[in-house]
Amino acid sequence: MNVTIFGSAQELLDHDDGAPQILVLDVNMPGMDGIMLLEILRERGHAEPAVLITGLGDPEIRARAERAGAAAFFDKPIDPPVLFSALTRLLSAAHA
């Protein structure tokens, strides 16, 4: 997998080189939270799968993520093989 890392939500929004294949967003990010970022991306027509992660474990945050269109949601700490498996599954489904 090729990975591009952004330091903030705004940095991702300012970066324009085509749509990513999949997004991995933390709910708690500098400037704006990952759910708000996902909502903005959806408004702009981005439909790529999004995985949201959080250390908060709040059911309302999970509900907001689902309403925003998150394909998967994980609480921290995340087991790397579990995250990789989810990413692989979502990428395969996107290319099917």
C-alpha atoms as a PDB file:
ATOM      1  CA  MET A   1       0.000   0.000   0.000  1.00  0.00           C
ATOM      2  CA  ASN A   2       1.168   3.504  -0.779  1.00  0.00           C
ATOM      3  CA  VAL A   3       0.476   5.809   2.147  1.00  0.00           C
ATOM      4  CA  THR A   4       0.327   9.589   2.302  1.00  0.00           C
ATOM      5  CA  ILE A   5       0.301  11.141   5.761  1.00  0.00           C
ATOM      6  CA  PHE A   6      -1.163  14.577   6.453  1.00  0.00           C
ATOM      7  CA  GLY A   7      -0.510  16.574   9.616  1.00  0.00           C
ATOM      8  CA  SER A   8      -4.038  17.973   9.789  1.00  0.00           C
ATOM      9  CA  ALA A   9      -7.447  17.834   8.166  1.00  0.00           C
ATOM     10  CA  GLN A  10      -6.817  21.170   6.439  1.00  0.00           C
ATOM     11  CA  GLU A  11      -3.573  19.850   4.970  1.00  0.00           C
ATOM     12  CA  LEU A  12      -5.505  16.975   3.376  1.00  0.00           C
ATOM     13  CA  LEU A  13      -8.196  19.359   2.079  1.00  0.00           C
ATOM     14  CA  ASP A  14      -5.517  21.621   0.565  1.00  0.00           C
ATOM     15  CA  HIS A  15      -3.767  18.677  -1.105  1.00  0.00           C
ATOM     16  CA  ASP A  16      -5.329  18.086  -4.501  1.00  0.00           C
ATOM     17  CA  ASP A  17      -3.846  15.254  -6.516  1.00  0.00           C
ATOM     18  CA  GLY A  18      -6.942  13.120  -7.025  1.00  0.00           C
ATOM     19  CA  ALA A  19      -9.063  11.078  -4.696  1.00  0.00           C
ATOM     20  CA  PRO A  20      -7.402   8.686  -2.281  1.00  0.00           C
ATOM     21  CA  GLN A  21      -8.407   5.042  -2.475  1.00  0.00           C
ATOM     22  CA  ILE A  22      -9.175   4.846   1.236  1.00  0.00           C
ATOM     23  CA  LEU A  23      -9.070   7.220   4.187  1.00  0.00           C
ATOM     24  CA  VAL A  24      -7.908   6.471   7.718  1.00  0.00           C
ATOM     25  CA  LEU A  25      -8.938   9.347   9.958  1.00  0.00           C
ATOM     26  CA  ASP A  26      -8.562   9.908  13.659  1.00  0.00           C
ATOM     27  CA  VAL A  27     -11.580  11.494  15.311  1.00  0.00           C
ATOM     28  CA  ASN A  28      -9.285  13.785  17.318  1.00  0.00           C
ATOM     29  CA  MET A  29      -7.126  15.740  14.847  1.00  0.00           C
ATOM     30  CA  PRO A  30      -5.621  19.255  14.891  1.00  0.00           C
ATOM     31  CA  GLY A  31      -7.980  21.944  13.626  1.00  0.00           C
ATOM     32  CA  MET A  32     -11.058  19.869  12.877  1.00  0.00           C
ATOM     33  CA  ASP A  33     -12.108  16.399  13.889  1.00  0.00           C
ATOM     34  CA  GLY A  34     -12.017  13.455  11.509  1.00  0.00           C
ATOM     35  CA  ILE A  35     -15.795  13.210  11.328  1.00  0.00           C
ATOM     36  CA  MET A  36     -16.141  16.824  10.206  1.00  0.00           C
ATOM     37  CA  LEU A  37     -13.397  16.201   7.634  1.00  0.00           C
ATOM     38  CA  LEU A  38     -15.289  13.180   6.326  1.00  0.00           C
ATOM     39  CA  GLU A  39     -18.493  15.236   6.092  1.00  0.00           C
ATOM     40  CA  ILE A  40     -16.681  17.913   4.049  1.00  0.00           C
ATOM     41  CA  LEU A  41     -15.146  15.302   1.754  1.00  0.00           C
ATOM     42  CA  ARG A  42     -18.565  13.698   1.196  1.00  0.00           C
ATOM     43  CA  GLU A  43     -20.035  17.128   0.374  1.00  0.00           C
ATOM     44  CA  ARG A  44     -17.265  17.523  -2.217  1.00  0.00           C
ATOM     45  CA  GLY A  45     -18.256  14.228  -3.825  1.00  0.00           C
ATOM     46  CA  HIS A  46     -15.581  11.939  -2.396  1.00  0.00           C
ATOM     47  CA  ALA A  47     -16.996   8.445  -1.964  1.00  0.00           C
ATOM     48  CA  GLU A  48     -13.880   6.459  -1.008  1.00  0.00           C
ATOM     49  CA  PRO A  49     -14.161   4.181   2.023  1.00  0.00           C
ATOM     50  CA  ALA A  50     -13.209   5.814   5.303  1.00  0.00           C
ATOM     51  CA  VAL A  51     -12.014   4.211   8.504  1.00  0.00           C
ATOM     52  CA  LEU A  52     -12.297   6.305  11.655  1.00  0.00           C
ATOM     53  CA  ILE A  53     -10.353   5.631  14.817  1.00  0.00           C
ATOM     54  CA  THR A  54     -10.771   7.115  18.288  1.00  0.00           C
ATOM     55  CA  GLY A  55      -9.506   6.842  21.797  1.00  0.00           C
ATOM     56  CA  LEU A  56     -12.746   8.247  23.179  1.00  0.00           C
ATOM     57  CA  GLY A  57     -15.058   5.218  22.842  1.00  0.00           C
ATOM     58  CA  ASP A  58     -18.183   7.375  22.966  1.00  0.00           C
ATOM     59  CA  PRO A  59     -21.336   5.841  21.378  1.00  0.00           C
ATOM     60  CA  GLU A  60     -22.390   9.293  20.075  1.00  0.00           C
ATOM     61  CA  ILE A  61     -19.069   9.650  18.255  1.00  0.00           C
ATOM     62  CA  ARG A  62     -19.603   6.238  16.662  1.00  0.00           C
ATOM     63  CA  ALA A  63     -23.115   7.300  15.590  1.00  0.00           C
ATOM     64  CA  ARG A  64     -21.763  10.562  14.091  1.00  0.00           C
ATOM     65  CA  ALA A  65     -19.133   8.580  12.178  1.00  0.00           C
ATOM     66  CA  GLU A  66     -21.761   6.227  10.781  1.00  0.00           C
ATOM     67  CA  ARG A  67     -23.984   9.144   9.720  1.00  0.00           C
ATOM     68  CA  ALA A  68     -20.980  10.736   8.000  1.00  0.00           C
ATOM     69  CA  GLY A  69     -20.460   7.562   5.983  1.00  0.00           C
ATOM     70  CA  ALA A  70     -17.594   5.804   7.754  1.00  0.00           C
ATOM     71  CA  ALA A  71     -17.132   2.278   6.426  1.00  0.00           C
ATOM     72  CA  ALA A  72     -15.441   1.113   9.644  1.00  0.00           C
ATOM     73  CA  PHE A  73     -14.837   2.456  13.128  1.00  0.00           C
ATOM     74  CA  PHE A  74     -12.191   1.310  15.610  1.00  0.00           C
ATOM     75  CA  ASP A  75     -11.406   2.188  19.201  1.00  0.00           C
ATOM     76  CA  LYS A  76      -7.770   2.640  20.219  1.00  0.00           C
ATOM     77  CA  PRO A  77      -5.595   0.812  20.755  1.00  0.00           C
ATOM     78  CA  ILE A  78      -5.949  -0.911  17.391  1.00  0.00           C
ATOM     79  CA  ASP A  79      -4.406  -4.281  16.694  1.00  0.00           C
ATOM     80  CA  PRO A  80      -2.386  -3.643  13.481  1.00  0.00           C
ATOM     81  CA  PRO A  81      -3.406  -6.945  11.798  1.00  0.00           C
ATOM     82  CA  VAL A  82      -7.082  -6.138  12.437  1.00  0.00           C
ATOM     83  CA  LEU A  83      -6.701  -2.679  10.876  1.00  0.00           C
ATOM     84  CA  PHE A  84      -4.740  -4.064   7.922  1.00  0.00           C
ATOM     85  CA  SER A  85      -7.405  -6.721   7.358  1.00  0.00           C
ATOM     86  CA  ALA A  86     -10.153  -4.082   7.355  1.00  0.00           C
ATOM     87  CA  LEU A  87      -8.217  -1.890   4.924  1.00  0.00           C
ATOM     88  CA  THR A  88      -7.571  -4.822   2.613  1.00  0.00           C
ATOM     89  CA  ARG A  89     -11.254  -5.809   2.682  1.00  0.00           C
ATOM     90  CA  LEU A  90     -12.423  -2.256   1.960  1.00  0.00           C
ATOM     91  CA  LEU A  91      -9.934  -1.813  -0.892  1.00  0.00           C
ATOM     92  CA  SER A  92     -10.982  -5.128  -2.424  1.00  0.00           C
ATOM     93  CA  ALA A  93     -14.655  -4.176  -2.200  1.00  0.00           C
ATOM     94  CA  ALA A  94     -13.933  -0.770  -3.772  1.00  0.00           C
ATOM     95  CA  HIS A  95     -12.273  -2.433  -6.750  1.00  0.00           C
ATOM     96  CA  ALA A  96     -14.897  -5.163  -7.205  1.00  0.00           C
END
